[in-house]
ModelCIF file with pLDDT and N, C-alpha, C, O atoms, coordinates in Angstrom:
data_MODEL
#
_entry.id   MODEL 
#
_entity.id                         1 
_entity.type                       polymer 
_entity.pdbx_number_of_molecules   1 
#
_entity_poly.entity_id                      1 
_entity_poly.type                           'polypeptide(L)' 
_entity_poly.nstd_linkage                   no 
_entity_poly.nstd_monomer                   no 
_entity_poly.pdbx_seq_one_letter_code       AAANAFLDGLAARRRAQGLPAVAVGWGLWGGTEGMA 
_entity_poly.pdbx_seq_one_letter_code_can   AAANAFLDGLAARRRAQGLPAVAVGWGLWGGTEGMA 
_entity_poly.pdbx_strand_id                 A 
#
loop_
_entity_poly_seq.entity_id 
_entity_poly_seq.num 
_entity_poly_seq.mon_id 
_entity_poly_seq.hetero 
1 1  ALA n 
1 2  ALA n 
1 3  ALA n 
1 4  ASN n 
1 5  ALA n 
1 6  PHE n 
1 7  LEU n 
1 8  ASP n 
1 9  GLY n 
1 10 LEU n 
1 11 ALA n 
1 12 ALA n 
1 13 ARG n 
1 14 ARG n 
1 15 ARG n 
1 16 ALA n 
1 17 GLN n 
1 18 GLY n 
1 19 LEU n 
1 20 PRO n 
1 21 ALA n 
1 22 VAL n 
1 23 ALA n 
1 24 VAL n 
1 25 GLY n 
1 26 TRP n 
1 27 GLY n 
1 28 LEU n 
1 29 TRP n 
1 30 GLY n 
1 31 GLY n 
1 32 THR n 
1 33 GLU n 
1 34 GLY n 
1 35 MET n 
1 36 ALA n 
#
_struct_asym.id          A 
_struct_asym.entity_id   1 
#
loop_
_ma_qa_metric.id 
_ma_qa_metric.mode 
_ma_qa_metric.name 
_ma_qa_metric.software_group_id 
_ma_qa_metric.type 
1 global pLDDT . pLDDT 
2 local  pLDDT . pLDDT 
#
_ma_qa_metric_global.metric_id      1 
_ma_qa_metric_global.metric_value   81.61 
_ma_qa_metric_global.model_id       1 
_ma_qa_metric_global.ordinal_id     1 
#
loop_
_ma_qa_metric_local.label_asym_id 
_ma_qa_metric_local.label_comp_id 
_ma_qa_metric_local.label_seq_id 
_ma_qa_metric_local.metric_id 
_ma_qa_metric_local.metric_value 
_ma_qa_metric_local.model_id 
_ma_qa_metric_local.ordinal_id 
A ALA 1  2 84.00 1 1  
A ALA 2  2 87.00 1 2  
A ALA 3  2 88.00 1 3  
A ASN 4  2 88.00 1 4  
A ALA 5  2 90.00 1 5  
A PHE 6  2 93.00 1 6  
A LEU 7  2 92.00 1 7  
A ASP 8  2 92.00 1 8  
A GLY 9  2 94.00 1 9  
A LEU 10 2 96.00 1 10 
A ALA 11 2 95.00 1 11 
A ALA 12 2 96.00 1 12 
A ARG 13 2 97.00 1 13 
A ARG 14 2 97.00 1 14 
A ARG 15 2 97.00 1 15 
A ALA 16 2 97.00 1 16 
A GLN 17 2 97.00 1 17 
A GLY 18 2 96.00 1 18 
A LEU 19 2 97.00 1 19 
A PRO 20 2 97.00 1 20 
A ALA 21 2 96.00 1 21 
A VAL 22 2 93.00 1 22 
A ALA 23 2 92.00 1 23 
A VAL 24 2 88.00 1 24 
A GLY 25 2 78.00 1 25 
A TRP 26 2 77.00 1 26 
A GLY 27 2 69.00 1 27 
A LEU 28 2 62.00 1 28 
A TRP 29 2 57.00 1 29 
A GLY 30 2 56.00 1 30 
A GLY 31 2 51.00 1 31 
A THR 32 2 51.00 1 32 
A GLU 33 2 53.00 1 33 
A GLY 34 2 48.00 1 34 
A MET 35 2 49.00 1 35 
A ALA 36 2 48.00 1 36 
#
loop_
_atom_site.group_PDB 
_atom_site.id 
_atom_site.type_symbol 
_atom_site.label_atom_id 
_atom_site.label_alt_id 
_atom_site.label_comp_id 
_atom_site.label_asym_id 
_atom_site.label_entity_id 
_atom_site.label_seq_id 
_atom_site.pdbx_PDB_ins_code 
_atom_site.Cartn_x 
_atom_site.Cartn_y 
_atom_site.Cartn_z 
_atom_site.occupancy 
_atom_site.B_iso_or_equiv 
_atom_site.pdbx_formal_charge 
_atom_site.auth_seq_id 
_atom_site.auth_comp_id 
_atom_site.auth_asym_id 
_atom_site.auth_atom_id 
_atom_site.pdbx_PDB_model_num 
ATOM 1   N N  . ALA A 1 1  ? 10.356 22.871 5.748   1.00 84.00 ? 1  ALA A N  1 
ATOM 2   C CA . ALA A 1 1  ? 11.191 22.157 7.481   1.00 84.00 ? 1  ALA A CA 1 
ATOM 3   C C  . ALA A 1 1  ? 9.869  21.702 8.026   1.00 84.00 ? 1  ALA A C  1 
ATOM 4   O O  . ALA A 1 1  ? 9.373  20.690 7.531   1.00 84.00 ? 1  ALA A O  1 
ATOM 5   N N  . ALA A 1 2  ? 9.240  22.338 8.992   1.00 87.00 ? 2  ALA A N  1 
ATOM 6   C CA . ALA A 1 2  ? 8.422  22.521 9.738   1.00 87.00 ? 2  ALA A CA 1 
ATOM 7   C C  . ALA A 1 2  ? 7.097  20.994 9.396   1.00 87.00 ? 2  ALA A C  1 
ATOM 8   O O  . ALA A 1 2  ? 6.757  20.049 10.108  1.00 87.00 ? 2  ALA A O  1 
ATOM 9   N N  . ALA A 1 3  ? 6.588  21.530 7.649   1.00 88.00 ? 3  ALA A N  1 
ATOM 10  C CA . ALA A 1 3  ? 5.537  20.957 7.202   1.00 88.00 ? 3  ALA A CA 1 
ATOM 11  C C  . ALA A 1 3  ? 6.448  19.315 7.282   1.00 88.00 ? 3  ALA A C  1 
ATOM 12  O O  . ALA A 1 3  ? 5.648  18.469 7.683   1.00 88.00 ? 3  ALA A O  1 
ATOM 13  N N  . ASN A 1 4  ? 7.505  18.845 7.078   1.00 88.00 ? 4  ASN A N  1 
ATOM 14  C CA . ASN A 1 4  ? 8.365  17.597 7.662   1.00 88.00 ? 4  ASN A CA 1 
ATOM 15  C C  . ASN A 1 4  ? 8.110  16.759 8.749   1.00 88.00 ? 4  ASN A C  1 
ATOM 16  O O  . ASN A 1 4  ? 7.605  15.658 8.965   1.00 88.00 ? 4  ASN A O  1 
ATOM 17  N N  . ALA A 1 5  ? 8.791  17.933 9.529   1.00 90.00 ? 5  ALA A N  1 
ATOM 18  C CA . ALA A 1 5  ? 8.738  18.142 10.814  1.00 90.00 ? 5  ALA A CA 1 
ATOM 19  C C  . ALA A 1 5  ? 7.215  16.958 11.168  1.00 90.00 ? 5  ALA A C  1 
ATOM 20  O O  . ALA A 1 5  ? 7.172  16.032 11.978  1.00 90.00 ? 5  ALA A O  1 
ATOM 21  N N  . PHE A 1 6  ? 6.325  17.358 10.397  1.00 93.00 ? 6  PHE A N  1 
ATOM 22  C CA . PHE A 1 6  ? 5.035  17.177 11.308  1.00 93.00 ? 6  PHE A CA 1 
ATOM 23  C C  . PHE A 1 6  ? 4.758  15.667 10.580  1.00 93.00 ? 6  PHE A C  1 
ATOM 24  O O  . PHE A 1 6  ? 3.820  15.002 11.020  1.00 93.00 ? 6  PHE A O  1 
ATOM 25  N N  . LEU A 1 7  ? 5.603  15.113 9.432   1.00 92.00 ? 7  LEU A N  1 
ATOM 26  C CA . LEU A 1 7  ? 5.423  13.895 8.316   1.00 92.00 ? 7  LEU A CA 1 
ATOM 27  C C  . LEU A 1 7  ? 6.437  13.234 9.325   1.00 92.00 ? 7  LEU A C  1 
ATOM 28  O O  . LEU A 1 7  ? 5.874  12.141 9.256   1.00 92.00 ? 7  LEU A O  1 
ATOM 29  N N  . ASP A 1 8  ? 7.285  13.039 10.046  1.00 92.00 ? 8  ASP A N  1 
ATOM 30  C CA . ASP A 1 8  ? 7.952  12.540 10.696  1.00 92.00 ? 8  ASP A CA 1 
ATOM 31  C C  . ASP A 1 8  ? 7.255  12.035 12.028  1.00 92.00 ? 8  ASP A C  1 
ATOM 32  O O  . ASP A 1 8  ? 7.253  10.904 12.515  1.00 92.00 ? 8  ASP A O  1 
ATOM 33  N N  . GLY A 1 9  ? 6.769  12.997 12.395  1.00 94.00 ? 9  GLY A N  1 
ATOM 34  C CA . GLY A 1 9  ? 5.987  12.965 13.644  1.00 94.00 ? 9  GLY A CA 1 
ATOM 35  C C  . GLY A 1 9  ? 4.849  12.282 13.691  1.00 94.00 ? 9  GLY A C  1 
ATOM 36  O O  . GLY A 1 9  ? 4.447  11.611 14.642  1.00 94.00 ? 9  GLY A O  1 
ATOM 37  N N  . LEU A 1 10 ? 4.221  12.486 12.455  1.00 96.00 ? 10 LEU A N  1 
ATOM 38  C CA . LEU A 1 10 ? 3.043  11.894 12.402  1.00 96.00 ? 10 LEU A CA 1 
ATOM 39  C C  . LEU A 1 10 ? 2.791  10.506 12.035  1.00 96.00 ? 10 LEU A C  1 
ATOM 40  O O  . LEU A 1 10 ? 1.725  9.891  12.061  1.00 96.00 ? 10 LEU A O  1 
ATOM 41  N N  . ALA A 1 11 ? 4.532  9.925  11.518  1.00 95.00 ? 11 ALA A N  1 
ATOM 42  C CA . ALA A 1 11 ? 4.471  8.629  11.444  1.00 95.00 ? 11 ALA A CA 1 
ATOM 43  C C  . ALA A 1 11 ? 4.947  8.012  12.134  1.00 95.00 ? 11 ALA A C  1 
ATOM 44  O O  . ALA A 1 11 ? 4.726  6.807  12.014  1.00 95.00 ? 11 ALA A O  1 
ATOM 45  N N  . ALA A 1 12 ? 5.968  8.522  13.366  1.00 96.00 ? 12 ALA A N  1 
ATOM 46  C CA . ALA A 1 12 ? 5.906  7.857  14.605  1.00 96.00 ? 12 ALA A CA 1 
ATOM 47  C C  . ALA A 1 12 ? 4.828  7.710  15.531  1.00 96.00 ? 12 ALA A C  1 
ATOM 48  O O  . ALA A 1 12 ? 4.770  6.822  16.381  1.00 96.00 ? 12 ALA A O  1 
ATOM 49  N N  . ARG A 1 13 ? 3.891  8.691  15.326  1.00 97.00 ? 13 ARG A N  1 
ATOM 50  C CA . ARG A 1 13 ? 2.917  8.445  16.132  1.00 97.00 ? 13 ARG A CA 1 
ATOM 51  C C  . ARG A 1 13 ? 2.298  7.216  15.408  1.00 97.00 ? 13 ARG A C  1 
ATOM 52  O O  . ARG A 1 13 ? 1.924  6.390  16.241  1.00 97.00 ? 13 ARG A O  1 
ATOM 53  N N  . ARG A 1 14 ? 2.119  6.911  14.403  1.00 97.00 ? 14 ARG A N  1 
ATOM 54  C CA . ARG A 1 14 ? 1.061  6.038  13.831  1.00 97.00 ? 14 ARG A CA 1 
ATOM 55  C C  . ARG A 1 14 ? 1.717  4.823  14.301  1.00 97.00 ? 14 ARG A C  1 
ATOM 56  O O  . ARG A 1 14 ? 1.144  3.895  14.872  1.00 97.00 ? 14 ARG A O  1 
ATOM 57  N N  . ARG A 1 15 ? 2.665  4.876  14.087  1.00 97.00 ? 15 ARG A N  1 
ATOM 58  C CA . ARG A 1 15 ? 3.970  3.260  14.711  1.00 97.00 ? 15 ARG A CA 1 
ATOM 59  C C  . ARG A 1 15 ? 3.412  3.314  16.069  1.00 97.00 ? 15 ARG A C  1 
ATOM 60  O O  . ARG A 1 15 ? 3.056  2.204  16.465  1.00 97.00 ? 15 ARG A O  1 
ATOM 61  N N  . ALA A 1 16 ? 3.272  4.062  16.713  1.00 97.00 ? 16 ALA A N  1 
ATOM 62  C CA . ALA A 1 16 ? 3.429  3.780  18.158  1.00 97.00 ? 16 ALA A CA 1 
ATOM 63  C C  . ALA A 1 16 ? 2.043  3.462  18.599  1.00 97.00 ? 16 ALA A C  1 
ATOM 64  O O  . ALA A 1 16 ? 1.800  3.220  19.781  1.00 97.00 ? 16 ALA A O  1 
ATOM 65  N N  . GLN A 1 17 ? 1.058  3.457  17.599  1.00 97.00 ? 17 GLN A N  1 
ATOM 66  C CA . GLN A 1 17 ? -0.083 3.138  17.815  1.00 97.00 ? 17 GLN A CA 1 
ATOM 67  C C  . GLN A 1 17 ? -0.816 2.037  16.847  1.00 97.00 ? 17 GLN A C  1 
ATOM 68  O O  . GLN A 1 17 ? -1.976 1.916  16.455  1.00 97.00 ? 17 GLN A O  1 
ATOM 69  N N  . GLY A 1 18 ? 1.004  0.906  16.533  1.00 96.00 ? 18 GLY A N  1 
ATOM 70  C CA . GLY A 1 18 ? 0.533  -0.150 15.661  1.00 96.00 ? 18 GLY A CA 1 
ATOM 71  C C  . GLY A 1 18 ? -0.072 -0.230 14.289  1.00 96.00 ? 18 GLY A C  1 
ATOM 72  O O  . GLY A 1 18 ? -0.372 -1.262 13.690  1.00 96.00 ? 18 GLY A O  1 
ATOM 73  N N  . LEU A 1 19 ? -0.259 1.486  13.718  1.00 97.00 ? 19 LEU A N  1 
ATOM 74  C CA . LEU A 1 19 ? -0.296 1.546  12.322  1.00 97.00 ? 19 LEU A CA 1 
ATOM 75  C C  . LEU A 1 19 ? 0.717  1.371  11.576  1.00 97.00 ? 19 LEU A C  1 
ATOM 76  O O  . LEU A 1 19 ? 1.858  1.491  12.021  1.00 97.00 ? 19 LEU A O  1 
ATOM 77  N N  . PRO A 1 20 ? 0.432  1.025  10.180  1.00 97.00 ? 20 PRO A N  1 
ATOM 78  C CA . PRO A 1 20 ? 1.733  1.066  9.333   1.00 97.00 ? 20 PRO A CA 1 
ATOM 79  C C  . PRO A 1 20 ? 1.937  2.812  9.235   1.00 97.00 ? 20 PRO A C  1 
ATOM 80  O O  . PRO A 1 20 ? 1.053  3.600  9.570   1.00 97.00 ? 20 PRO A O  1 
ATOM 81  N N  . ALA A 1 21 ? 3.225  3.196  8.730   1.00 96.00 ? 21 ALA A N  1 
ATOM 82  C CA . ALA A 1 21 ? 3.680  4.441  8.512   1.00 96.00 ? 21 ALA A CA 1 
ATOM 83  C C  . ALA A 1 21 ? 5.214  4.244  8.565   1.00 96.00 ? 21 ALA A C  1 
ATOM 84  O O  . ALA A 1 21 ? 5.865  3.627  9.408   1.00 96.00 ? 21 ALA A O  1 
ATOM 85  N N  . VAL A 1 22 ? 5.688  4.988  7.347   1.00 93.00 ? 22 VAL A N  1 
ATOM 86  C CA . VAL A 1 22 ? 7.181  5.233  7.051   1.00 93.00 ? 22 VAL A CA 1 
ATOM 87  C C  . VAL A 1 22 ? 6.838  6.602  6.802   1.00 93.00 ? 22 VAL A C  1 
ATOM 88  O O  . VAL A 1 22 ? 5.796  6.825  6.186   1.00 93.00 ? 22 VAL A O  1 
ATOM 89  N N  . ALA A 1 23 ? 7.592  7.600  7.206   1.00 92.00 ? 23 ALA A N  1 
ATOM 90  C CA . ALA A 1 23 ? 8.079  9.198  6.275   1.00 92.00 ? 23 ALA A CA 1 
ATOM 91  C C  . ALA A 1 23 ? 9.938  8.539  6.003   1.00 92.00 ? 23 ALA A C  1 
ATOM 92  O O  . ALA A 1 23 ? 10.804 7.902  6.602   1.00 92.00 ? 23 ALA A O  1 
ATOM 93  N N  . VAL A 1 24 ? 9.667  9.335  4.501   1.00 88.00 ? 24 VAL A N  1 
ATOM 94  C CA . VAL A 1 24 ? 10.619 8.509  3.613   1.00 88.00 ? 24 VAL A CA 1 
ATOM 95  C C  . VAL A 1 24 ? 11.583 10.348 3.685   1.00 88.00 ? 24 VAL A C  1 
ATOM 96  O O  . VAL A 1 24 ? 11.313 11.199 2.837   1.00 88.00 ? 24 VAL A O  1 
ATOM 97  N N  . GLY A 1 25 ? 12.134 10.491 4.277   1.00 78.00 ? 25 GLY A N  1 
ATOM 98  C CA . GLY A 1 25 ? 13.491 11.854 4.547   1.00 78.00 ? 25 GLY A CA 1 
ATOM 99  C C  . GLY A 1 25 ? 14.288 11.879 3.303   1.00 78.00 ? 25 GLY A C  1 
ATOM 100 O O  . GLY A 1 25 ? 15.426 11.420 3.400   1.00 78.00 ? 25 GLY A O  1 
ATOM 101 N N  . TRP A 1 26 ? 13.850 12.397 1.975   1.00 77.00 ? 26 TRP A N  1 
ATOM 102 C CA . TRP A 1 26 ? 14.491 12.453 1.003   1.00 77.00 ? 26 TRP A CA 1 
ATOM 103 C C  . TRP A 1 26 ? 15.127 13.801 0.910   1.00 77.00 ? 26 TRP A C  1 
ATOM 104 O O  . TRP A 1 26 ? 14.529 14.837 1.200   1.00 77.00 ? 26 TRP A O  1 
ATOM 105 N N  . GLY A 1 27 ? 16.505 13.742 0.445   1.00 69.00 ? 27 GLY A N  1 
ATOM 106 C CA . GLY A 1 27 ? 17.405 14.858 0.356   1.00 69.00 ? 27 GLY A CA 1 
ATOM 107 C C  . GLY A 1 27 ? 17.002 15.857 -1.195  1.00 69.00 ? 27 GLY A C  1 
ATOM 108 O O  . GLY A 1 27 ? 15.878 15.896 -1.696  1.00 69.00 ? 27 GLY A O  1 
ATOM 109 N N  . LEU A 1 28 ? 18.004 16.456 -1.629  1.00 62.00 ? 28 LEU A N  1 
ATOM 110 C CA . LEU A 1 28 ? 17.948 17.031 -2.788  1.00 62.00 ? 28 LEU A CA 1 
ATOM 111 C C  . LEU A 1 28 ? 17.868 16.234 -4.069  1.00 62.00 ? 28 LEU A C  1 
ATOM 112 O O  . LEU A 1 28 ? 18.826 15.618 -4.536  1.00 62.00 ? 28 LEU A O  1 
ATOM 113 N N  . TRP A 1 29 ? 16.539 16.291 -4.660  1.00 57.00 ? 29 TRP A N  1 
ATOM 114 C CA . TRP A 1 29 ? 16.710 15.187 -6.514  1.00 57.00 ? 29 TRP A CA 1 
ATOM 115 C C  . TRP A 1 29 ? 17.215 15.605 -6.981  1.00 57.00 ? 29 TRP A C  1 
ATOM 116 O O  . TRP A 1 29 ? 17.697 16.694 -6.667  1.00 57.00 ? 29 TRP A O  1 
ATOM 117 N N  . GLY A 1 30 ? 17.472 14.862 -8.264  1.00 56.00 ? 30 GLY A N  1 
ATOM 118 C CA . GLY A 1 30 ? 18.525 15.213 -9.069  1.00 56.00 ? 30 GLY A CA 1 
ATOM 119 C C  . GLY A 1 30 ? 17.599 16.155 -10.018 1.00 56.00 ? 30 GLY A C  1 
ATOM 120 O O  . GLY A 1 30 ? 16.376 16.040 -10.094 1.00 56.00 ? 30 GLY A O  1 
ATOM 121 N N  . GLY A 1 31 ? 18.490 17.240 -10.829 1.00 51.00 ? 31 GLY A N  1 
ATOM 122 C CA . GLY A 1 31 ? 17.355 17.691 -11.794 1.00 51.00 ? 31 GLY A CA 1 
ATOM 123 C C  . GLY A 1 31 ? 17.027 19.209 -11.872 1.00 51.00 ? 31 GLY A C  1 
ATOM 124 O O  . GLY A 1 31 ? 16.466 19.418 -10.796 1.00 51.00 ? 31 GLY A O  1 
ATOM 125 N N  . THR A 1 32 ? 17.052 19.936 -12.295 1.00 51.00 ? 32 THR A N  1 
ATOM 126 C CA . THR A 1 32 ? 16.636 21.072 -12.401 1.00 51.00 ? 32 THR A CA 1 
ATOM 127 C C  . THR A 1 32 ? 15.261 21.952 -12.414 1.00 51.00 ? 32 THR A C  1 
ATOM 128 O O  . THR A 1 32 ? 15.076 23.166 -12.499 1.00 51.00 ? 32 THR A O  1 
ATOM 129 N N  . GLU A 1 33 ? 14.291 20.743 -12.284 1.00 53.00 ? 33 GLU A N  1 
ATOM 130 C CA . GLU A 1 33 ? 12.935 21.553 -12.690 1.00 53.00 ? 33 GLU A CA 1 
ATOM 131 C C  . GLU A 1 33 ? 12.339 21.436 -11.110 1.00 53.00 ? 33 GLU A C  1 
ATOM 132 O O  . GLU A 1 33 ? 13.038 21.189 -10.127 1.00 53.00 ? 33 GLU A O  1 
ATOM 133 N N  . GLY A 1 34 ? 10.801 21.686 -11.103 1.00 48.00 ? 34 GLY A N  1 
ATOM 134 C CA . GLY A 1 34 ? 10.349 21.925 -10.228 1.00 48.00 ? 34 GLY A CA 1 
ATOM 135 C C  . GLY A 1 34 ? 10.518 22.421 -8.972  1.00 48.00 ? 34 GLY A C  1 
ATOM 136 O O  . GLY A 1 34 ? 10.040 23.550 -8.863  1.00 48.00 ? 34 GLY A O  1 
ATOM 137 N N  . MET A 1 35 ? 11.179 21.860 -7.676  1.00 49.00 ? 35 MET A N  1 
ATOM 138 C CA . MET A 1 35 ? 11.469 22.277 -6.000  1.00 49.00 ? 35 MET A CA 1 
ATOM 139 C C  . MET A 1 35 ? 12.766 22.337 -6.467  1.00 49.00 ? 35 MET A C  1 
ATOM 140 O O  . MET A 1 35 ? 13.381 23.366 -6.185  1.00 49.00 ? 35 MET A O  1 
ATOM 141 N N  . ALA A 1 36 ? 13.504 21.241 -7.302  1.00 48.00 ? 36 ALA A N  1 
ATOM 142 C CA . ALA A 1 36 ? 15.254 21.604 -7.445  1.00 48.00 ? 36 ALA A CA 1 
ATOM 143 C C  . ALA A 1 36 ? 15.387 22.936 -8.011  1.00 48.00 ? 36 ALA A C  1 
ATOM 144 O O  . ALA A 1 36 ? 16.504 23.415 -8.208  1.00 48.00 ? 36 ALA A O  1 
#
């Protein structure tokens, strides 16, 4: 949660500085492999 909150903040800072950025807040992906 902390790592992803950092990404959201980084994207917001970049946009505020006129740089391209988007943080896509995904939910749980389908499937039963990997992180899921």
